[in-house]
Amino acid sequence: AFDYKAGDDILLQIVNRIHIIFGED
């Protein structure tokens, strides 16, 4: 629908949410 930058932005949000759920470490 968009481009690879939009895809990377979504993946980065997912990564940082996972750290919020399970901890920074």
PDBML (XML) file of the C-alpha atoms, coordinates in Angstrom:
<?xml version="1.0" encoding="UTF-8" ?>
<PDBx:datablock datablockName="MODEL"
   xmlns:PDBx="http://pdbml.pdb.org/schema/pdbx-v50.xsd"
   xmlns:xsi="http://www.w3.org/2001/XMLSchema-instance"
   xsi:schemaLocation="http://pdbml.pdb.org/schema/pdbx-v50.xsd pdbx-v50.xsd">
   <PDBx:atom_siteCategory>
      <PDBx:atom_site id="1">
         <PDBx:B_iso_or_equiv>0.00</PDBx:B_iso_or_equiv>
         <PDBx:Cartn_x>0.000</PDBx:Cartn_x>
         <PDBx:Cartn_y>0.000</PDBx:Cartn_y>
         <PDBx:Cartn_z>0.000</PDBx:Cartn_z>
         <PDBx:auth_asym_id>A</PDBx:auth_asym_id>
         <PDBx:auth_atom_id>CA</PDBx:auth_atom_id>
         <PDBx:auth_comp_id>ALA</PDBx:auth_comp_id>
         <PDBx:auth_seq_id>1</PDBx:auth_seq_id>
         <PDBx:group_PDB>ATOM</PDBx:group_PDB>
         <PDBx:label_alt_id xsi:nil="true" />
         <PDBx:label_asym_id>A</PDBx:label_asym_id>
         <PDBx:label_atom_id>CA</PDBx:label_atom_id>
         <PDBx:label_comp_id>ALA</PDBx:label_comp_id>
         <PDBx:label_entity_id>1</PDBx:label_entity_id>
         <PDBx:label_seq_id>1</PDBx:label_seq_id>
         <PDBx:occupancy>1.00</PDBx:occupancy>
         <PDBx:pdbx_PDB_model_num>1</PDBx:pdbx_PDB_model_num>
         <PDBx:type_symbol>C</PDBx:type_symbol>
      </PDBx:atom_site>
      <PDBx:atom_site id="2">
         <PDBx:B_iso_or_equiv>0.00</PDBx:B_iso_or_equiv>
         <PDBx:Cartn_x>2.857</PDBx:Cartn_x>
         <PDBx:Cartn_y>2.401</PDBx:Cartn_y>
         <PDBx:Cartn_z>0.758</PDBx:Cartn_z>
         <PDBx:auth_asym_id>A</PDBx:auth_asym_id>
         <PDBx:auth_atom_id>CA</PDBx:auth_atom_id>
         <PDBx:auth_comp_id>PHE</PDBx:auth_comp_id>
         <PDBx:auth_seq_id>2</PDBx:auth_seq_id>
         <PDBx:group_PDB>ATOM</PDBx:group_PDB>
         <PDBx:label_alt_id xsi:nil="true" />
         <PDBx:label_asym_id>A</PDBx:label_asym_id>
         <PDBx:label_atom_id>CA</PDBx:label_atom_id>
         <PDBx:label_comp_id>PHE</PDBx:label_comp_id>
         <PDBx:label_entity_id>1</PDBx:label_entity_id>
         <PDBx:label_seq_id>2</PDBx:label_seq_id>
         <PDBx:occupancy>1.00</PDBx:occupancy>
         <PDBx:pdbx_PDB_model_num>1</PDBx:pdbx_PDB_model_num>
         <PDBx:type_symbol>C</PDBx:type_symbol>
      </PDBx:atom_site>
      <PDBx:atom_site id="3">
         <PDBx:B_iso_or_equiv>0.00</PDBx:B_iso_or_equiv>
         <PDBx:Cartn_x>6.611</PDBx:Cartn_x>
         <PDBx:Cartn_y>1.791</PDBx:Cartn_y>
         <PDBx:Cartn_z>0.548</PDBx:Cartn_z>
         <PDBx:auth_asym_id>A</PDBx:auth_asym_id>
         <PDBx:auth_atom_id>CA</PDBx:auth_atom_id>
         <PDBx:auth_comp_id>ASP</PDBx:auth_comp_id>
         <PDBx:auth_seq_id>3</PDBx:auth_seq_id>
         <PDBx:group_PDB>ATOM</PDBx:group_PDB>
         <PDBx:label_alt_id xsi:nil="true" />
         <PDBx:label_asym_id>A</PDBx:label_asym_id>
         <PDBx:label_atom_id>CA</PDBx:label_atom_id>
         <PDBx:label_comp_id>ASP</PDBx:label_comp_id>
         <PDBx:label_entity_id>1</PDBx:label_entity_id>
         <PDBx:label_seq_id>3</PDBx:label_seq_id>
         <PDBx:occupancy>1.00</PDBx:occupancy>
         <PDBx:pdbx_PDB_model_num>1</PDBx:pdbx_PDB_model_num>
         <PDBx:type_symbol>C</PDBx:type_symbol>
      </PDBx:atom_site>
      <PDBx:atom_site id="4">
         <PDBx:B_iso_or_equiv>0.00</PDBx:B_iso_or_equiv>
         <PDBx:Cartn_x>9.429</PDBx:Cartn_x>
         <PDBx:Cartn_y>0.149</PDBx:Cartn_y>
         <PDBx:Cartn_z>2.461</PDBx:Cartn_z>
         <PDBx:auth_asym_id>A</PDBx:auth_asym_id>
         <PDBx:auth_atom_id>CA</PDBx:auth_atom_id>
         <PDBx:auth_comp_id>TYR</PDBx:auth_comp_id>
         <PDBx:auth_seq_id>4</PDBx:auth_seq_id>
         <PDBx:group_PDB>ATOM</PDBx:group_PDB>
         <PDBx:label_alt_id xsi:nil="true" />
         <PDBx:label_asym_id>A</PDBx:label_asym_id>
         <PDBx:label_atom_id>CA</PDBx:label_atom_id>
         <PDBx:label_comp_id>TYR</PDBx:label_comp_id>
         <PDBx:label_entity_id>1</PDBx:label_entity_id>
         <PDBx:label_seq_id>4</PDBx:label_seq_id>
         <PDBx:occupancy>1.00</PDBx:occupancy>
         <PDBx:pdbx_PDB_model_num>1</PDBx:pdbx_PDB_model_num>
         <PDBx:type_symbol>C</PDBx:type_symbol>
      </PDBx:atom_site>
      <PDBx:atom_site id="5">
         <PDBx:B_iso_or_equiv>0.00</PDBx:B_iso_or_equiv>
         <PDBx:Cartn_x>9.816</PDBx:Cartn_x>
         <PDBx:Cartn_y>3.175</PDBx:Cartn_y>
         <PDBx:Cartn_z>4.739</PDBx:Cartn_z>
         <PDBx:auth_asym_id>A</PDBx:auth_asym_id>
         <PDBx:auth_atom_id>CA</PDBx:auth_atom_id>
         <PDBx:auth_comp_id>LYS</PDBx:auth_comp_id>
         <PDBx:auth_seq_id>5</PDBx:auth_seq_id>
         <PDBx:group_PDB>ATOM</PDBx:group_PDB>
         <PDBx:label_alt_id xsi:nil="true" />
         <PDBx:label_asym_id>A</PDBx:label_asym_id>
         <PDBx:label_atom_id>CA</PDBx:label_atom_id>
         <PDBx:label_comp_id>LYS</PDBx:label_comp_id>
         <PDBx:label_entity_id>1</PDBx:label_entity_id>
         <PDBx:label_seq_id>5</PDBx:label_seq_id>
         <PDBx:occupancy>1.00</PDBx:occupancy>
         <PDBx:pdbx_PDB_model_num>1</PDBx:pdbx_PDB_model_num>
         <PDBx:type_symbol>C</PDBx:type_symbol>
      </PDBx:atom_site>
      <PDBx:atom_site id="6">
         <PDBx:B_iso_or_equiv>0.00</PDBx:B_iso_or_equiv>
         <PDBx:Cartn_x>6.230</PDBx:Cartn_x>
         <PDBx:Cartn_y>2.773</PDBx:Cartn_y>
         <PDBx:Cartn_z>5.915</PDBx:Cartn_z>
         <PDBx:auth_asym_id>A</PDBx:auth_asym_id>
         <PDBx:auth_atom_id>CA</PDBx:auth_atom_id>
         <PDBx:auth_comp_id>ALA</PDBx:auth_comp_id>
         <PDBx:auth_seq_id>6</PDBx:auth_seq_id>
         <PDBx:group_PDB>ATOM</PDBx:group_PDB>
         <PDBx:label_alt_id xsi:nil="true" />
         <PDBx:label_asym_id>A</PDBx:label_asym_id>
         <PDBx:label_atom_id>CA</PDBx:label_atom_id>
         <PDBx:label_comp_id>ALA</PDBx:label_comp_id>
         <PDBx:label_entity_id>1</PDBx:label_entity_id>
         <PDBx:label_seq_id>6</PDBx:label_seq_id>
         <PDBx:occupancy>1.00</PDBx:occupancy>
         <PDBx:pdbx_PDB_model_num>1</PDBx:pdbx_PDB_model_num>
         <PDBx:type_symbol>C</PDBx:type_symbol>
      </PDBx:atom_site>
      <PDBx:atom_site id="7">
         <PDBx:B_iso_or_equiv>0.00</PDBx:B_iso_or_equiv>
         <PDBx:Cartn_x>6.903</PDBx:Cartn_x>
         <PDBx:Cartn_y>-0.928</PDBx:Cartn_y>
         <PDBx:Cartn_z>6.447</PDBx:Cartn_z>
         <PDBx:auth_asym_id>A</PDBx:auth_asym_id>
         <PDBx:auth_atom_id>CA</PDBx:auth_atom_id>
         <PDBx:auth_comp_id>GLY</PDBx:auth_comp_id>
         <PDBx:auth_seq_id>7</PDBx:auth_seq_id>
         <PDBx:group_PDB>ATOM</PDBx:group_PDB>
         <PDBx:label_alt_id xsi:nil="true" />
         <PDBx:label_asym_id>A</PDBx:label_asym_id>
         <PDBx:label_atom_id>CA</PDBx:label_atom_id>
         <PDBx:label_comp_id>GLY</PDBx:label_comp_id>
         <PDBx:label_entity_id>1</PDBx:label_entity_id>
         <PDBx:label_seq_id>7</PDBx:label_seq_id>
         <PDBx:occupancy>1.00</PDBx:occupancy>
         <PDBx:pdbx_PDB_model_num>1</PDBx:pdbx_PDB_model_num>
         <PDBx:type_symbol>C</PDBx:type_symbol>
      </PDBx:atom_site>
      <PDBx:atom_site id="8">
         <PDBx:B_iso_or_equiv>0.00</PDBx:B_iso_or_equiv>
         <PDBx:Cartn_x>10.012</PDBx:Cartn_x>
         <PDBx:Cartn_y>-0.180</PDBx:Cartn_y>
         <PDBx:Cartn_z>8.493</PDBx:Cartn_z>
         <PDBx:auth_asym_id>A</PDBx:auth_asym_id>
         <PDBx:auth_atom_id>CA</PDBx:auth_atom_id>
         <PDBx:auth_comp_id>ASP</PDBx:auth_comp_id>
         <PDBx:auth_seq_id>8</PDBx:auth_seq_id>
         <PDBx:group_PDB>ATOM</PDBx:group_PDB>
         <PDBx:label_alt_id xsi:nil="true" />
         <PDBx:label_asym_id>A</PDBx:label_asym_id>
         <PDBx:label_atom_id>CA</PDBx:label_atom_id>
         <PDBx:label_comp_id>ASP</PDBx:label_comp_id>
         <PDBx:label_entity_id>1</PDBx:label_entity_id>
         <PDBx:label_seq_id>8</PDBx:label_seq_id>
         <PDBx:occupancy>1.00</PDBx:occupancy>
         <PDBx:pdbx_PDB_model_num>1</PDBx:pdbx_PDB_model_num>
         <PDBx:type_symbol>C</PDBx:type_symbol>
      </PDBx:atom_site>
      <PDBx:atom_site id="9">
         <PDBx:B_iso_or_equiv>0.00</PDBx:B_iso_or_equiv>
         <PDBx:Cartn_x>8.042</PDBx:Cartn_x>
         <PDBx:Cartn_y>2.329</PDBx:Cartn_y>
         <PDBx:Cartn_z>10.561</PDBx:Cartn_z>
         <PDBx:auth_asym_id>A</PDBx:auth_asym_id>
         <PDBx:auth_atom_id>CA</PDBx:auth_atom_id>
         <PDBx:auth_comp_id>ASP</PDBx:auth_comp_id>
         <PDBx:auth_seq_id>9</PDBx:auth_seq_id>
         <PDBx:group_PDB>ATOM</PDBx:group_PDB>
         <PDBx:label_alt_id xsi:nil="true" />
         <PDBx:label_asym_id>A</PDBx:label_asym_id>
         <PDBx:label_atom_id>CA</PDBx:label_atom_id>
         <PDBx:label_comp_id>ASP</PDBx:label_comp_id>
         <PDBx:label_entity_id>1</PDBx:label_entity_id>
         <PDBx:label_seq_id>9</PDBx:label_seq_id>
         <PDBx:occupancy>1.00</PDBx:occupancy>
         <PDBx:pdbx_PDB_model_num>1</PDBx:pdbx_PDB_model_num>
         <PDBx:type_symbol>C</PDBx:type_symbol>
      </PDBx:atom_site>
      <PDBx:atom_site id="10">
         <PDBx:B_iso_or_equiv>0.00</PDBx:B_iso_or_equiv>
         <PDBx:Cartn_x>5.420</PDBx:Cartn_x>
         <PDBx:Cartn_y>-0.323</PDBx:Cartn_y>
         <PDBx:Cartn_z>11.412</PDBx:Cartn_z>
         <PDBx:auth_asym_id>A</PDBx:auth_asym_id>
         <PDBx:auth_atom_id>CA</PDBx:auth_atom_id>
         <PDBx:auth_comp_id>ILE</PDBx:auth_comp_id>
         <PDBx:auth_seq_id>10</PDBx:auth_seq_id>
         <PDBx:group_PDB>ATOM</PDBx:group_PDB>
         <PDBx:label_alt_id xsi:nil="true" />
         <PDBx:label_asym_id>A</PDBx:label_asym_id>
         <PDBx:label_atom_id>CA</PDBx:label_atom_id>
         <PDBx:label_comp_id>ILE</PDBx:label_comp_id>
         <PDBx:label_entity_id>1</PDBx:label_entity_id>
         <PDBx:label_seq_id>10</PDBx:label_seq_id>
         <PDBx:occupancy>1.00</PDBx:occupancy>
         <PDBx:pdbx_PDB_model_num>1</PDBx:pdbx_PDB_model_num>
         <PDBx:type_symbol>C</PDBx:type_symbol>
      </PDBx:atom_site>
      <PDBx:atom_site id="11">
         <PDBx:B_iso_or_equiv>0.00</PDBx:B_iso_or_equiv>
         <PDBx:Cartn_x>8.081</PDBx:Cartn_x>
         <PDBx:Cartn_y>-2.891</PDBx:Cartn_y>
         <PDBx:Cartn_z>12.302</PDBx:Cartn_z>
         <PDBx:auth_asym_id>A</PDBx:auth_asym_id>
         <PDBx:auth_atom_id>CA</PDBx:auth_atom_id>
         <PDBx:auth_comp_id>LEU</PDBx:auth_comp_id>
         <PDBx:auth_seq_id>11</PDBx:auth_seq_id>
         <PDBx:group_PDB>ATOM</PDBx:group_PDB>
         <PDBx:label_alt_id xsi:nil="true" />
         <PDBx:label_asym_id>A</PDBx:label_asym_id>
         <PDBx:label_atom_id>CA</PDBx:label_atom_id>
         <PDBx:label_comp_id>LEU</PDBx:label_comp_id>
         <PDBx:label_entity_id>1</PDBx:label_entity_id>
         <PDBx:label_seq_id>11</PDBx:label_seq_id>
         <PDBx:occupancy>1.00</PDBx:occupancy>
         <PDBx:pdbx_PDB_model_num>1</PDBx:pdbx_PDB_model_num>
         <PDBx:type_symbol>C</PDBx:type_symbol>
      </PDBx:atom_site>
      <PDBx:atom_site id="12">
         <PDBx:B_iso_or_equiv>0.00</PDBx:B_iso_or_equiv>
         <PDBx:Cartn_x>9.886</PDBx:Cartn_x>
         <PDBx:Cartn_y>-0.385</PDBx:Cartn_y>
         <PDBx:Cartn_z>14.518</PDBx:Cartn_z>
         <PDBx:auth_asym_id>A</PDBx:auth_asym_id>
         <PDBx:auth_atom_id>CA</PDBx:auth_atom_id>
         <PDBx:auth_comp_id>LEU</PDBx:auth_comp_id>
         <PDBx:auth_seq_id>12</PDBx:auth_seq_id>
         <PDBx:group_PDB>ATOM</PDBx:group_PDB>
         <PDBx:label_alt_id xsi:nil="true" />
         <PDBx:label_asym_id>A</PDBx:label_asym_id>
         <PDBx:label_atom_id>CA</PDBx:label_atom_id>
         <PDBx:label_comp_id>LEU</PDBx:label_comp_id>
         <PDBx:label_entity_id>1</PDBx:label_entity_id>
         <PDBx:label_seq_id>12</PDBx:label_seq_id>
         <PDBx:occupancy>1.00</PDBx:occupancy>
         <PDBx:pdbx_PDB_model_num>1</PDBx:pdbx_PDB_model_num>
         <PDBx:type_symbol>C</PDBx:type_symbol>
      </PDBx:atom_site>
      <PDBx:atom_site id="13">
         <PDBx:B_iso_or_equiv>0.00</PDBx:B_iso_or_equiv>
         <PDBx:Cartn_x>6.641</PDBx:Cartn_x>
         <PDBx:Cartn_y>0.352</PDBx:Cartn_y>
         <PDBx:Cartn_z>16.363</PDBx:Cartn_z>
         <PDBx:auth_asym_id>A</PDBx:auth_asym_id>
         <PDBx:auth_atom_id>CA</PDBx:auth_atom_id>
         <PDBx:auth_comp_id>GLN</PDBx:auth_comp_id>
         <PDBx:auth_seq_id>13</PDBx:auth_seq_id>
         <PDBx:group_PDB>ATOM</PDBx:group_PDB>
         <PDBx:label_alt_id xsi:nil="true" />
         <PDBx:label_asym_id>A</PDBx:label_asym_id>
         <PDBx:label_atom_id>CA</PDBx:label_atom_id>
         <PDBx:label_comp_id>GLN</PDBx:label_comp_id>
         <PDBx:label_entity_id>1</PDBx:label_entity_id>
         <PDBx:label_seq_id>13</PDBx:label_seq_id>
         <PDBx:occupancy>1.00</PDBx:occupancy>
         <PDBx:pdbx_PDB_model_num>1</PDBx:pdbx_PDB_model_num>
         <PDBx:type_symbol>C</PDBx:type_symbol>
      </PDBx:atom_site>
      <PDBx:atom_site id="14">
         <PDBx:B_iso_or_equiv>0.00</PDBx:B_iso_or_equiv>
         <PDBx:Cartn_x>6.089</PDBx:Cartn_x>
         <PDBx:Cartn_y>-3.381</PDBx:Cartn_y>
         <PDBx:Cartn_z>16.853</PDBx:Cartn_z>
         <PDBx:auth_asym_id>A</PDBx:auth_asym_id>
         <PDBx:auth_atom_id>CA</PDBx:auth_atom_id>
         <PDBx:auth_comp_id>ILE</PDBx:auth_comp_id>
         <PDBx:auth_seq_id>14</PDBx:auth_seq_id>
         <PDBx:group_PDB>ATOM</PDBx:group_PDB>
         <PDBx:label_alt_id xsi:nil="true" />
         <PDBx:label_asym_id>A</PDBx:label_asym_id>
         <PDBx:label_atom_id>CA</PDBx:label_atom_id>
         <PDBx:label_comp_id>ILE</PDBx:label_comp_id>
         <PDBx:label_entity_id>1</PDBx:label_entity_id>
         <PDBx:label_seq_id>14</PDBx:label_seq_id>
         <PDBx:occupancy>1.00</PDBx:occupancy>
         <PDBx:pdbx_PDB_model_num>1</PDBx:pdbx_PDB_model_num>
         <PDBx:type_symbol>C</PDBx:type_symbol>
      </PDBx:atom_site>
      <PDBx:atom_site id="15">
         <PDBx:B_iso_or_equiv>0.00</PDBx:B_iso_or_equiv>
         <PDBx:Cartn_x>9.610</PDBx:Cartn_x>
         <PDBx:Cartn_y>-3.842</PDBx:Cartn_y>
         <PDBx:Cartn_z>18.242</PDBx:Cartn_z>
         <PDBx:auth_asym_id>A</PDBx:auth_asym_id>
         <PDBx:auth_atom_id>CA</PDBx:auth_atom_id>
         <PDBx:auth_comp_id>VAL</PDBx:auth_comp_id>
         <PDBx:auth_seq_id>15</PDBx:auth_seq_id>
         <PDBx:group_PDB>ATOM</PDBx:group_PDB>
         <PDBx:label_alt_id xsi:nil="true" />
         <PDBx:label_asym_id>A</PDBx:label_asym_id>
         <PDBx:label_atom_id>CA</PDBx:label_atom_id>
         <PDBx:label_comp_id>VAL</PDBx:label_comp_id>
         <PDBx:label_entity_id>1</PDBx:label_entity_id>
         <PDBx:label_seq_id>15</PDBx:label_seq_id>
         <PDBx:occupancy>1.00</PDBx:occupancy>
         <PDBx:pdbx_PDB_model_num>1</PDBx:pdbx_PDB_model_num>
         <PDBx:type_symbol>C</PDBx:type_symbol>
      </PDBx:atom_site>
      <PDBx:atom_site id="16">
         <PDBx:B_iso_or_equiv>0.00</PDBx:B_iso_or_equiv>
         <PDBx:Cartn_x>9.258</PDBx:Cartn_x>
         <PDBx:Cartn_y>-1.033</PDBx:Cartn_y>
         <PDBx:Cartn_z>20.745</PDBx:Cartn_z>
         <PDBx:auth_asym_id>A</PDBx:auth_asym_id>
         <PDBx:auth_atom_id>CA</PDBx:auth_atom_id>
         <PDBx:auth_comp_id>ASN</PDBx:auth_comp_id>
         <PDBx:auth_seq_id>16</PDBx:auth_seq_id>
         <PDBx:group_PDB>ATOM</PDBx:group_PDB>
         <PDBx:label_alt_id xsi:nil="true" />
         <PDBx:label_asym_id>A</PDBx:label_asym_id>
         <PDBx:label_atom_id>CA</PDBx:label_atom_id>
         <PDBx:label_comp_id>ASN</PDBx:label_comp_id>
         <PDBx:label_entity_id>1</PDBx:label_entity_id>
         <PDBx:label_seq_id>16</PDBx:label_seq_id>
         <PDBx:occupancy>1.00</PDBx:occupancy>
         <PDBx:pdbx_PDB_model_num>1</PDBx:pdbx_PDB_model_num>
         <PDBx:type_symbol>C</PDBx:type_symbol>
      </PDBx:atom_site>
      <PDBx:atom_site id="17">
         <PDBx:B_iso_or_equiv>0.00</PDBx:B_iso_or_equiv>
         <PDBx:Cartn_x>5.821</PDBx:Cartn_x>
         <PDBx:Cartn_y>-2.230</PDBx:Cartn_y>
         <PDBx:Cartn_z>21.844</PDBx:Cartn_z>
         <PDBx:auth_asym_id>A</PDBx:auth_asym_id>
         <PDBx:auth_atom_id>CA</PDBx:auth_atom_id>
         <PDBx:auth_comp_id>ARG</PDBx:auth_comp_id>
         <PDBx:auth_seq_id>17</PDBx:auth_seq_id>
         <PDBx:group_PDB>ATOM</PDBx:group_PDB>
         <PDBx:label_alt_id xsi:nil="true" />
         <PDBx:label_asym_id>A</PDBx:label_asym_id>
         <PDBx:label_atom_id>CA</PDBx:label_atom_id>
         <PDBx:label_comp_id>ARG</PDBx:label_comp_id>
         <PDBx:label_entity_id>1</PDBx:label_entity_id>
         <PDBx:label_seq_id>17</PDBx:label_seq_id>
         <PDBx:occupancy>1.00</PDBx:occupancy>
         <PDBx:pdbx_PDB_model_num>1</PDBx:pdbx_PDB_model_num>
         <PDBx:type_symbol>C</PDBx:type_symbol>
      </PDBx:atom_site>
      <PDBx:atom_site id="18">
         <PDBx:B_iso_or_equiv>0.00</PDBx:B_iso_or_equiv>
         <PDBx:Cartn_x>7.237</PDBx:Cartn_x>
         <PDBx:Cartn_y>-5.701</PDBx:Cartn_y>
         <PDBx:Cartn_z>22.453</PDBx:Cartn_z>
         <PDBx:auth_asym_id>A</PDBx:auth_asym_id>
         <PDBx:auth_atom_id>CA</PDBx:auth_atom_id>
         <PDBx:auth_comp_id>ILE</PDBx:auth_comp_id>
         <PDBx:auth_seq_id>18</PDBx:auth_seq_id>
         <PDBx:group_PDB>ATOM</PDBx:group_PDB>
         <PDBx:label_alt_id xsi:nil="true" />
         <PDBx:label_asym_id>A</PDBx:label_asym_id>
         <PDBx:label_atom_id>CA</PDBx:label_atom_id>
         <PDBx:label_comp_id>ILE</PDBx:label_comp_id>
         <PDBx:label_entity_id>1</PDBx:label_entity_id>
         <PDBx:label_seq_id>18</PDBx:label_seq_id>
         <PDBx:occupancy>1.00</PDBx:occupancy>
         <PDBx:pdbx_PDB_model_num>1</PDBx:pdbx_PDB_model_num>
         <PDBx:type_symbol>C</PDBx:type_symbol>
      </PDBx:atom_site>
      <PDBx:atom_site id="19">
         <PDBx:B_iso_or_equiv>0.00</PDBx:B_iso_or_equiv>
         <PDBx:Cartn_x>9.853</PDBx:Cartn_x>
         <PDBx:Cartn_y>-4.131</PDBx:Cartn_y>
         <PDBx:Cartn_z>24.733</PDBx:Cartn_z>
         <PDBx:auth_asym_id>A</PDBx:auth_asym_id>
         <PDBx:auth_atom_id>CA</PDBx:auth_atom_id>
         <PDBx:auth_comp_id>HIS</PDBx:auth_comp_id>
         <PDBx:auth_seq_id>19</PDBx:auth_seq_id>
         <PDBx:group_PDB>ATOM</PDBx:group_PDB>
         <PDBx:label_alt_id xsi:nil="true" />
         <PDBx:label_asym_id>A</PDBx:label_asym_id>
         <PDBx:label_atom_id>CA</PDBx:label_atom_id>
         <PDBx:label_comp_id>HIS</PDBx:label_comp_id>
         <PDBx:label_entity_id>1</PDBx:label_entity_id>
         <PDBx:label_seq_id>19</PDBx:label_seq_id>
         <PDBx:occupancy>1.00</PDBx:occupancy>
         <PDBx:pdbx_PDB_model_num>1</PDBx:pdbx_PDB_model_num>
         <PDBx:type_symbol>C</PDBx:type_symbol>
      </PDBx:atom_site>
      <PDBx:atom_site id="20">
         <PDBx:B_iso_or_equiv>0.00</PDBx:B_iso_or_equiv>
         <PDBx:Cartn_x>7.083</PDBx:Cartn_x>
         <PDBx:Cartn_y>-2.281</PDBx:Cartn_y>
         <PDBx:Cartn_z>26.586</PDBx:Cartn_z>
         <PDBx:auth_asym_id>A</PDBx:auth_asym_id>
         <PDBx:auth_atom_id>CA</PDBx:auth_atom_id>
         <PDBx:auth_comp_id>ILE</PDBx:auth_comp_id>
         <PDBx:auth_seq_id>20</PDBx:auth_seq_id>
         <PDBx:group_PDB>ATOM</PDBx:group_PDB>
         <PDBx:label_alt_id xsi:nil="true" />
         <PDBx:label_asym_id>A</PDBx:label_asym_id>
         <PDBx:label_atom_id>CA</PDBx:label_atom_id>
         <PDBx:label_comp_id>ILE</PDBx:label_comp_id>
         <PDBx:label_entity_id>1</PDBx:label_entity_id>
         <PDBx:label_seq_id>20</PDBx:label_seq_id>
         <PDBx:occupancy>1.00</PDBx:occupancy>
         <PDBx:pdbx_PDB_model_num>1</PDBx:pdbx_PDB_model_num>
         <PDBx:type_symbol>C</PDBx:type_symbol>
      </PDBx:atom_site>
      <PDBx:atom_site id="21">
         <PDBx:B_iso_or_equiv>0.00</PDBx:B_iso_or_equiv>
         <PDBx:Cartn_x>5.219</PDBx:Cartn_x>
         <PDBx:Cartn_y>-5.574</PDBx:Cartn_y>
         <PDBx:Cartn_z>27.088</PDBx:Cartn_z>
         <PDBx:auth_asym_id>A</PDBx:auth_asym_id>
         <PDBx:auth_atom_id>CA</PDBx:auth_atom_id>
         <PDBx:auth_comp_id>ILE</PDBx:auth_comp_id>
         <PDBx:auth_seq_id>21</PDBx:auth_seq_id>
         <PDBx:group_PDB>ATOM</PDBx:group_PDB>
         <PDBx:label_alt_id xsi:nil="true" />
         <PDBx:label_asym_id>A</PDBx:label_asym_id>
         <PDBx:label_atom_id>CA</PDBx:label_atom_id>
         <PDBx:label_comp_id>ILE</PDBx:label_comp_id>
         <PDBx:label_entity_id>1</PDBx:label_entity_id>
         <PDBx:label_seq_id>21</PDBx:label_seq_id>
         <PDBx:occupancy>1.00</PDBx:occupancy>
         <PDBx:pdbx_PDB_model_num>1</PDBx:pdbx_PDB_model_num>
         <PDBx:type_symbol>C</PDBx:type_symbol>
      </PDBx:atom_site>
      <PDBx:atom_site id="22">
         <PDBx:B_iso_or_equiv>0.00</PDBx:B_iso_or_equiv>
         <PDBx:Cartn_x>8.144</PDBx:Cartn_x>
         <PDBx:Cartn_y>-7.771</PDBx:Cartn_y>
         <PDBx:Cartn_z>28.127</PDBx:Cartn_z>
         <PDBx:auth_asym_id>A</PDBx:auth_asym_id>
         <PDBx:auth_atom_id>CA</PDBx:auth_atom_id>
         <PDBx:auth_comp_id>PHE</PDBx:auth_comp_id>
         <PDBx:auth_seq_id>22</PDBx:auth_seq_id>
         <PDBx:group_PDB>ATOM</PDBx:group_PDB>
         <PDBx:label_alt_id xsi:nil="true" />
         <PDBx:label_asym_id>A</PDBx:label_asym_id>
         <PDBx:label_atom_id>CA</PDBx:label_atom_id>
         <PDBx:label_comp_id>PHE</PDBx:label_comp_id>
         <PDBx:label_entity_id>1</PDBx:label_entity_id>
         <PDBx:label_seq_id>22</PDBx:label_seq_id>
         <PDBx:occupancy>1.00</PDBx:occupancy>
         <PDBx:pdbx_PDB_model_num>1</PDBx:pdbx_PDB_model_num>
         <PDBx:type_symbol>C</PDBx:type_symbol>
      </PDBx:atom_site>
      <PDBx:atom_site id="23">
         <PDBx:B_iso_or_equiv>0.00</PDBx:B_iso_or_equiv>
         <PDBx:Cartn_x>10.719</PDBx:Cartn_x>
         <PDBx:Cartn_y>-5.303</PDBx:Cartn_y>
         <PDBx:Cartn_z>29.421</PDBx:Cartn_z>
         <PDBx:auth_asym_id>A</PDBx:auth_asym_id>
         <PDBx:auth_atom_id>CA</PDBx:auth_atom_id>
         <PDBx:auth_comp_id>GLY</PDBx:auth_comp_id>
         <PDBx:auth_seq_id>23</PDBx:auth_seq_id>
         <PDBx:group_PDB>ATOM</PDBx:group_PDB>
         <PDBx:label_alt_id xsi:nil="true" />
         <PDBx:label_asym_id>A</PDBx:label_asym_id>
         <PDBx:label_atom_id>CA</PDBx:label_atom_id>
         <PDBx:label_comp_id>GLY</PDBx:label_comp_id>
         <PDBx:label_entity_id>1</PDBx:label_entity_id>
         <PDBx:label_seq_id>23</PDBx:label_seq_id>
         <PDBx:occupancy>1.00</PDBx:occupancy>
         <PDBx:pdbx_PDB_model_num>1</PDBx:pdbx_PDB_model_num>
         <PDBx:type_symbol>C</PDBx:type_symbol>
      </PDBx:atom_site>
      <PDBx:atom_site id="24">
         <PDBx:B_iso_or_equiv>0.00</PDBx:B_iso_or_equiv>
         <PDBx:Cartn_x>13.649</PDBx:Cartn_x>
         <PDBx:Cartn_y>-3.261</PDBx:Cartn_y>
         <PDBx:Cartn_z>28.186</PDBx:Cartn_z>
         <PDBx:auth_asym_id>A</PDBx:auth_asym_id>
         <PDBx:auth_atom_id>CA</PDBx:auth_atom_id>
         <PDBx:auth_comp_id>GLU</PDBx:auth_comp_id>
         <PDBx:auth_seq_id>24</PDBx:auth_seq_id>
         <PDBx:group_PDB>ATOM</PDBx:group_PDB>
         <PDBx:label_alt_id xsi:nil="true" />
         <PDBx:label_asym_id>A</PDBx:label_asym_id>
         <PDBx:label_atom_id>CA</PDBx:label_atom_id>
         <PDBx:label_comp_id>GLU</PDBx:label_comp_id>
         <PDBx:label_entity_id>1</PDBx:label_entity_id>
         <PDBx:label_seq_id>24</PDBx:label_seq_id>
         <PDBx:occupancy>1.00</PDBx:occupancy>
         <PDBx:pdbx_PDB_model_num>1</PDBx:pdbx_PDB_model_num>
         <PDBx:type_symbol>C</PDBx:type_symbol>
      </PDBx:atom_site>
      <PDBx:atom_site id="25">
         <PDBx:B_iso_or_equiv>0.00</PDBx:B_iso_or_equiv>
         <PDBx:Cartn_x>16.114</PDBx:Cartn_x>
         <PDBx:Cartn_y>-6.079</PDBx:Cartn_y>
         <PDBx:Cartn_z>28.946</PDBx:Cartn_z>
         <PDBx:auth_asym_id>A</PDBx:auth_asym_id>
         <PDBx:auth_atom_id>CA</PDBx:auth_atom_id>
         <PDBx:auth_comp_id>ASP</PDBx:auth_comp_id>
         <PDBx:auth_seq_id>25</PDBx:auth_seq_id>
         <PDBx:group_PDB>ATOM</PDBx:group_PDB>
         <PDBx:label_alt_id xsi:nil="true" />
         <PDBx:label_asym_id>A</PDBx:label_asym_id>
         <PDBx:label_atom_id>CA</PDBx:label_atom_id>
         <PDBx:label_comp_id>ASP</PDBx:label_comp_id>
         <PDBx:label_entity_id>1</PDBx:label_entity_id>
         <PDBx:label_seq_id>25</PDBx:label_seq_id>
         <PDBx:occupancy>1.00</PDBx:occupancy>
         <PDBx:pdbx_PDB_model_num>1</PDBx:pdbx_PDB_model_num>
         <PDBx:type_symbol>C</PDBx:type_symbol>
      </PDBx:atom_site>
   </PDBx:atom_siteCategory>
</PDBx:datablock>
